[in-house]
Amino acid sequence: MKVTIDAELCQGQGRCFAIAPDLFGFDDMGNGIVIGDGTLDDSSLKLAQLAQANCPEHAIFIEE
């Protein structure tokens, strides 16, 4: 599983970072980015799903 953020949709609300600071960070413009390559294990998958559910722009995607 892998998590990504659509830069076109993200408005920098920061909820992803607040929920999972080990998975998400910010770029120079304050928009969310995925730290590393986005590969998820069981524990990080749950955090990524929680971040995805709380993203107001629906900019977080989890793919197999």
PDB file of N, CA and C in Angstrom:
ATOM      1  N   MET A   1       0.840  -1.173   0.000  1.00  0.00           N
ATOM      2  CA  MET A   1       0.000   0.000   0.000  1.00  0.00           C
ATOM      3  C   MET A   1       0.890   1.242   0.000  1.00  0.00           C
ATOM      4  N   LYS A   2       0.358   2.290  -0.616  1.00  0.00           N
ATOM      5  CA  LYS A   2       1.124   3.516  -0.747  1.00  0.00           C
ATOM      6  C   LYS A   2       0.183   4.710  -0.614  1.00  0.00           C
ATOM      7  N   VAL A   3       0.645   5.765   0.050  1.00  0.00           N
ATOM      8  CA  VAL A   3      -0.148   6.968   0.217  1.00  0.00           C
ATOM      9  C   VAL A   3       0.460   8.096  -0.618  1.00  0.00           C
ATOM     10  N   THR A   4      -0.405   8.895  -1.211  1.00  0.00           N
ATOM     11  CA  THR A   4       0.015  10.071  -1.974  1.00  0.00           C
ATOM     12  C   THR A   4      -0.889  11.243  -1.629  1.00  0.00           C
ATOM     13  N   ILE A   5      -0.409  12.440  -1.921  1.00  0.00           N
ATOM     14  CA  ILE A   5      -1.212  13.656  -1.782  1.00  0.00           C
ATOM     15  C   ILE A   5      -1.270  14.323  -3.141  1.00  0.00           C
ATOM     16  N   ASP A   6      -2.462  14.691  -3.564  1.00  0.00           N
ATOM     17  CA  ASP A   6      -2.637  15.422  -4.816  1.00  0.00           C
ATOM     18  C   ASP A   6      -2.362  16.903  -4.536  1.00  0.00           C
ATOM     19  N   ALA A   7      -1.248  17.399  -5.052  1.00  0.00           N
ATOM     20  CA  ALA A   7      -0.835  18.782  -4.811  1.00  0.00           C
ATOM     21  C   ALA A   7      -1.834  19.797  -5.362  1.00  0.00           C
ATOM     22  N   GLU A   8      -2.572  19.424  -6.388  1.00  0.00           N
ATOM     23  CA  GLU A   8      -3.575  20.318  -6.971  1.00  0.00           C
ATOM     24  C   GLU A   8      -4.760  20.530  -6.032  1.00  0.00           C
ATOM     25  N   LEU A   9      -5.070  19.513  -5.223  1.00  0.00           N
ATOM     26  CA  LEU A   9      -6.216  19.582  -4.318  1.00  0.00           C
ATOM     27  C   LEU A   9      -5.867  20.130  -2.942  1.00  0.00           C
ATOM     28  N   CYS A  10      -4.653  19.877  -2.477  1.00  0.00           N
ATOM     29  CA  CYS A  10      -4.256  20.243  -1.119  1.00  0.00           C
ATOM     30  C   CYS A  10      -4.240  21.760  -0.945  1.00  0.00           C
ATOM     31  N   GLN A  11      -4.841  22.224   0.157  1.00  0.00           N
ATOM     32  CA  GLN A  11      -4.847  23.653   0.482  1.00  0.00           C
ATOM     33  C   GLN A  11      -4.072  23.952   1.764  1.00  0.00           C
ATOM     34  N   GLY A  12      -3.344  22.968   2.287  1.00  0.00           N
ATOM     35  CA  GLY A  12      -2.479  23.192   3.432  1.00  0.00           C
ATOM     36  C   GLY A  12      -3.184  23.305   4.767  1.00  0.00           C
ATOM     37  N   GLN A  13      -4.279  22.595   4.939  1.00  0.00           N
ATOM     38  CA  GLN A  13      -4.990  22.638   6.214  1.00  0.00           C
ATOM     39  C   GLN A  13      -4.166  22.036   7.357  1.00  0.00           C
ATOM     40  N   GLY A  14      -3.311  21.070   7.059  1.00  0.00           N
ATOM     41  CA  GLY A  14      -2.409  20.488   8.044  1.00  0.00           C
ATOM     42  C   GLY A  14      -2.979  19.377   8.894  1.00  0.00           C
ATOM     43  N   ARG A  15      -4.174  18.929   8.595  1.00  0.00           N
ATOM     44  CA  ARG A  15      -4.764  17.842   9.391  1.00  0.00           C
ATOM     45  C   ARG A  15      -3.974  16.551   9.247  1.00  0.00           C
ATOM     46  N   CYS A  16      -3.458  16.284   8.055  1.00  0.00           N
ATOM     47  CA  CYS A  16      -2.677  15.062   7.843  1.00  0.00           C
ATOM     48  C   CYS A  16      -1.443  15.072   8.740  1.00  0.00           C
ATOM     49  N   PHE A  17      -0.755  16.210   8.798  1.00  0.00           N
ATOM     50  CA  PHE A  17       0.434  16.331   9.624  1.00  0.00           C
ATOM     51  C   PHE A  17       0.091  16.195  11.107  1.00  0.00           C
ATOM     52  N   ALA A  18      -1.024  16.771  11.520  1.00  0.00           N
ATOM     53  CA  ALA A  18      -1.438  16.689  12.923  1.00  0.00           C
ATOM     54  C   ALA A  18      -1.741  15.245  13.325  1.00  0.00           C
ATOM     55  N   ILE A  19      -2.287  14.472  12.406  1.00  0.00           N
ATOM     56  CA  ILE A  19      -2.657  13.082  12.684  1.00  0.00           C
ATOM     57  C   ILE A  19      -1.456  12.146  12.561  1.00  0.00           C
ATOM     58  N   ALA A  20      -0.641  12.349  11.548  1.00  0.00           N
ATOM     59  CA  ALA A  20       0.465  11.417  11.272  1.00  0.00           C
ATOM     60  C   ALA A  20       1.732  12.175  10.861  1.00  0.00           C
ATOM     61  N   PRO A  21       2.412  12.816  11.817  1.00  0.00           N
ATOM     62  CA  PRO A  21       3.602  13.602  11.470  1.00  0.00           C
ATOM     63  C   PRO A  21       4.772  12.762  10.955  1.00  0.00           C
ATOM     64  N   ASP A  22       4.735  11.458  11.165  1.00  0.00           N
ATOM     65  CA  ASP A  22       5.782  10.598  10.611  1.00  0.00           C
ATOM     66  C   ASP A  22       5.534  10.273   9.140  1.00  0.00           C
ATOM     67  N   LEU A  23       4.308  10.499   8.674  1.00  0.00           N
ATOM     68  CA  LEU A  23       3.947  10.210   7.281  1.00  0.00           C
ATOM     69  C   LEU A  23       3.876  11.450   6.408  1.00  0.00           C
ATOM     70  N   PHE A  24       3.499  12.585   7.016  1.00  0.00           N
ATOM     71  CA  PHE A  24       3.225  13.798   6.241  1.00  0.00           C
ATOM     72  C   PHE A  24       4.035  14.983   6.753  1.00  0.00           C
ATOM     73  N   GLY A  25       4.366  15.868   5.833  1.00  0.00           N
ATOM     74  CA  GLY A  25       5.070  17.097   6.157  1.00  0.00           C
ATOM     75  C   GLY A  25       4.507  18.220   5.306  1.00  0.00           C
ATOM     76  N   PHE A  26       5.269  19.310   5.181  1.00  0.00           N
ATOM     77  CA  PHE A  26       4.845  20.465   4.398  1.00  0.00           C
ATOM     78  C   PHE A  26       5.916  20.844   3.387  1.00  0.00           C
ATOM     79  N   ASP A  27       5.476  21.344   2.218  1.00  0.00           N
ATOM     80  CA  ASP A  27       6.428  21.859   1.243  1.00  0.00           C
ATOM     81  C   ASP A  27       6.679  23.350   1.529  1.00  0.00           C
ATOM     82  N   ASP A  28       7.408  24.008   0.651  1.00  0.00           N
ATOM     83  CA  ASP A  28       7.753  25.425   0.842  1.00  0.00           C
ATOM     84  C   ASP A  28       6.537  26.348   0.824  1.00  0.00           C
ATOM     85  N   MET A  29       5.454  25.889   0.228  1.00  0.00           N
ATOM     86  CA  MET A  29       4.228  26.696   0.142  1.00  0.00           C
ATOM     87  C   MET A  29       3.253  26.378   1.269  1.00  0.00           C
ATOM     88  N   GLY A  30       3.596  25.436   2.133  1.00  0.00           N
ATOM     89  CA  GLY A  30       2.723  25.072   3.247  1.00  0.00           C
ATOM     90  C   GLY A  30       1.717  23.987   2.932  1.00  0.00           C
ATOM     91  N   ASN A  31       1.828  23.388   1.753  1.00  0.00           N
ATOM     92  CA  ASN A  31       0.936  22.297   1.378  1.00  0.00           C
ATOM     93  C   ASN A  31       1.514  20.963   1.842  1.00  0.00           C
ATOM     94  N   GLY A  32       0.632  19.998   2.041  1.00  0.00           N
ATOM     95  CA  GLY A  32       1.049  18.695   2.534  1.00  0.00           C
ATOM     96  C   GLY A  32       1.862  17.913   1.525  1.00  0.00           C
ATOM     97  N   ILE A  33       2.826  17.167   2.046  1.00  0.00           N
ATOM     98  CA  ILE A  33       3.619  16.244   1.235  1.00  0.00           C
ATOM     99  C   ILE A  33       3.755  14.933   2.002  1.00  0.00           C
ATOM    100  N   VAL A  34       4.013  13.876   1.276  1.00  0.00           N
ATOM    101  CA  VAL A  34       4.274  12.579   1.891  1.00  0.00           C
ATOM    102  C   VAL A  34       5.768  12.486   2.161  1.00  0.00           C
ATOM    103  N   ILE A  35       6.116  12.050   3.359  1.00  0.00           N
ATOM    104  CA  ILE A  35       7.514  11.863   3.718  1.00  0.00           C
ATOM    105  C   ILE A  35       7.963  10.495   3.192  1.00  0.00           C
ATOM    106  N   GLY A  36       9.105  10.458   2.544  1.00  0.00           N
ATOM    107  CA  GLY A  36       9.618   9.208   1.987  1.00  0.00           C
ATOM    108  C   GLY A  36       8.871   8.823   0.729  1.00  0.00           C
ATOM    109  N   ASP A  37       8.802   7.522   0.481  1.00  0.00           N
ATOM    110  CA  ASP A  37       8.159   7.043  -0.749  1.00  0.00           C
ATOM    111  C   ASP A  37       6.677   6.723  -0.579  1.00  0.00           C
ATOM    112  N   GLY A  38       6.146   6.895   0.637  1.00  0.00           N
ATOM    113  CA  GLY A  38       4.712   6.686   0.870  1.00  0.00           C
ATOM    114  C   GLY A  38       4.304   5.257   1.138  1.00  0.00           C
ATOM    115  N   THR A  39       5.269   4.341   1.196  1.00  0.00           N
ATOM    116  CA  THR A  39       4.946   2.939   1.466  1.00  0.00           C
ATOM    117  C   THR A  39       4.409   2.794   2.887  1.00  0.00           C
ATOM    118  N   LEU A  40       3.319   2.032   3.027  1.00  0.00           N
ATOM    119  CA  LEU A  40       2.646   1.883   4.308  1.00  0.00           C
ATOM    120  C   LEU A  40       2.756   0.458   4.836  1.00  0.00           C
ATOM    121  N   ASP A  41       2.977   0.336   6.149  1.00  0.00           N
ATOM    122  CA  ASP A  41       2.852  -0.957   6.814  1.00  0.00           C
ATOM    123  C   ASP A  41       1.509  -0.946   7.549  1.00  0.00           C
ATOM    124  N   ASP A  42       1.216  -1.964   8.330  1.00  0.00           N
ATOM    125  CA  ASP A  42      -0.096  -2.059   8.970  1.00  0.00           C
ATOM    126  C   ASP A  42      -0.404  -0.876   9.880  1.00  0.00           C
ATOM    127  N   SER A  43       0.550  -0.458  10.696  1.00  0.00           N
ATOM    128  CA  SER A  43       0.286   0.636  11.630  1.00  0.00           C
ATOM    129  C   SER A  43       0.199   1.982  10.913  1.00  0.00           C
ATOM    130  N   SER A  44       1.068   2.213   9.935  1.00  0.00           N
ATOM    131  CA  SER A  44       1.007   3.484   9.219  1.00  0.00           C
ATOM    132  C   SER A  44      -0.201   3.540   8.288  1.00  0.00           C
ATOM    133  N   LEU A  45      -0.694   2.398   7.834  1.00  0.00           N
ATOM    134  CA  LEU A  45      -1.902   2.373   7.015  1.00  0.00           C
ATOM    135  C   LEU A  45      -3.085   2.935   7.789  1.00  0.00           C
ATOM    136  N   LYS A  46      -3.214   2.559   9.041  1.00  0.00           N
ATOM    137  CA  LYS A  46      -4.331   3.053   9.854  1.00  0.00           C
ATOM    138  C   LYS A  46      -4.252   4.565  10.040  1.00  0.00           C
ATOM    139  N   LEU A  47      -3.056   5.084  10.257  1.00  0.00           N
ATOM    140  CA  LEU A  47      -2.888   6.532  10.387  1.00  0.00           C
ATOM    141  C   LEU A  47      -3.173   7.239   9.062  1.00  0.00           C
ATOM    142  N   ALA A  48      -2.713   6.656   7.965  1.00  0.00           N
ATOM    143  CA  ALA A  48      -2.966   7.241   6.648  1.00  0.00           C
ATOM    144  C   ALA A  48      -4.466   7.260   6.346  1.00  0.00           C
ATOM    145  N   GLN A  49      -5.176   6.201   6.716  1.00  0.00           N
ATOM    146  CA  GLN A  49      -6.629   6.156   6.507  1.00  0.00           C
ATOM    147  C   GLN A  49      -7.338   7.204   7.354  1.00  0.00           C
ATOM    148  N   LEU A  50      -6.873   7.413   8.581  1.00  0.00           N
ATOM    149  CA  LEU A  50      -7.452   8.438   9.444  1.00  0.00           C
ATOM    150  C   LEU A  50      -7.190   9.825   8.861  1.00  0.00           C
ATOM    151  N   ALA A  51      -5.987  10.062   8.378  1.00  0.00           N
ATOM    152  CA  ALA A  51      -5.666  11.340   7.745  1.00  0.00           C
ATOM    153  C   ALA A  51      -6.520  11.552   6.495  1.00  0.00           C
ATOM    154  N   GLN A  52      -6.685  10.493   5.701  1.00  0.00           N
ATOM    155  CA  GLN A  52      -7.500  10.570   4.486  1.00  0.00           C
ATOM    156  C   GLN A  52      -8.940  10.933   4.833  1.00  0.00           C
ATOM    157  N   ALA A  53      -9.478  10.323   5.864  1.00  0.00           N
ATOM    158  CA  ALA A  53     -10.865  10.586   6.270  1.00  0.00           C
ATOM    159  C   ALA A  53     -11.051  12.007   6.795  1.00  0.00           C
ATOM    160  N   ASN A  54      -9.983  12.615   7.303  1.00  0.00           N
ATOM    161  CA  ASN A  54     -10.071  13.949   7.891  1.00  0.00           C
ATOM    162  C   ASN A  54      -9.605  15.060   6.956  1.00  0.00           C
ATOM    163  N   CYS A  55      -9.192  14.726   5.749  1.00  0.00           N
ATOM    164  CA  CYS A  55      -8.729  15.736   4.797  1.00  0.00           C
ATOM    165  C   CYS A  55      -9.933  16.453   4.182  1.00  0.00           C
ATOM    166  N   PRO A  56     -10.090  17.763   4.448  1.00  0.00           N
ATOM    167  CA  PRO A  56     -11.261  18.477   3.922  1.00  0.00           C
ATOM    168  C   PRO A  56     -11.273  18.598   2.403  1.00  0.00           C
ATOM    169  N   GLU A  57     -10.107  18.516   1.777  1.00  0.00           N
ATOM    170  CA  GLU A  57     -10.039  18.629   0.310  1.00  0.00           C
ATOM    171  C   GLU A  57     -10.060  17.280  -0.382  1.00  0.00           C
ATOM    172  N   HIS A  58     -10.054  16.185   0.394  1.00  0.00           N
ATOM    173  CA  HIS A  58      -9.986  14.829  -0.171  1.00  0.00           C
ATOM    174  C   HIS A  58      -8.779  14.689  -1.090  1.00  0.00           C
ATOM    175  N   ALA A  59      -7.629  15.193  -0.612  1.00  0.00           N
ATOM    176  CA  ALA A  59      -6.408  15.209  -1.404  1.00  0.00           C
ATOM    177  C   ALA A  59      -5.496  14.013  -1.134  1.00  0.00           C
ATOM    178  N   ILE A  60      -5.848  13.174  -0.165  1.00  0.00           N
ATOM    179  CA  ILE A  60      -5.019  12.028   0.204  1.00  0.00           C
ATOM    180  C   ILE A  60      -5.572  10.768  -0.438  1.00  0.00           C
ATOM    181  N   PHE A  61      -4.691  10.020  -1.094  1.00  0.00           N
ATOM    182  CA  PHE A  61      -5.087   8.794  -1.783  1.00  0.00           C
ATOM    183  C   PHE A  61      -4.230   7.631  -1.297  1.00  0.00           C
ATOM    184  N   ILE A  62      -4.878   6.493  -1.088  1.00  0.00           N
ATOM    185  CA  ILE A  62      -4.188   5.270  -0.689  1.00  0.00           C
ATOM    186  C   ILE A  62      -4.419   4.242  -1.785  1.00  0.00           C
ATOM    187  N   GLU A  63      -3.297   3.736  -2.317  1.00  0.00           N
ATOM    188  CA  GLU A  63      -3.361   2.803  -3.435  1.00  0.00           C
ATOM    189  C   GLU A  63      -2.660   1.499  -3.071  1.00  0.00           C
ATOM    190  N   GLU A  64      -3.106   0.409  -3.674  1.00  0.00           N
ATOM    191  CA  GLU A  64      -2.446  -0.883  -3.460  1.00  0.00           C
ATOM    192  C   GLU A  64      -1.253  -1.027  -4.363  1.00  0.00           C
TER     193      GLU A  64
END
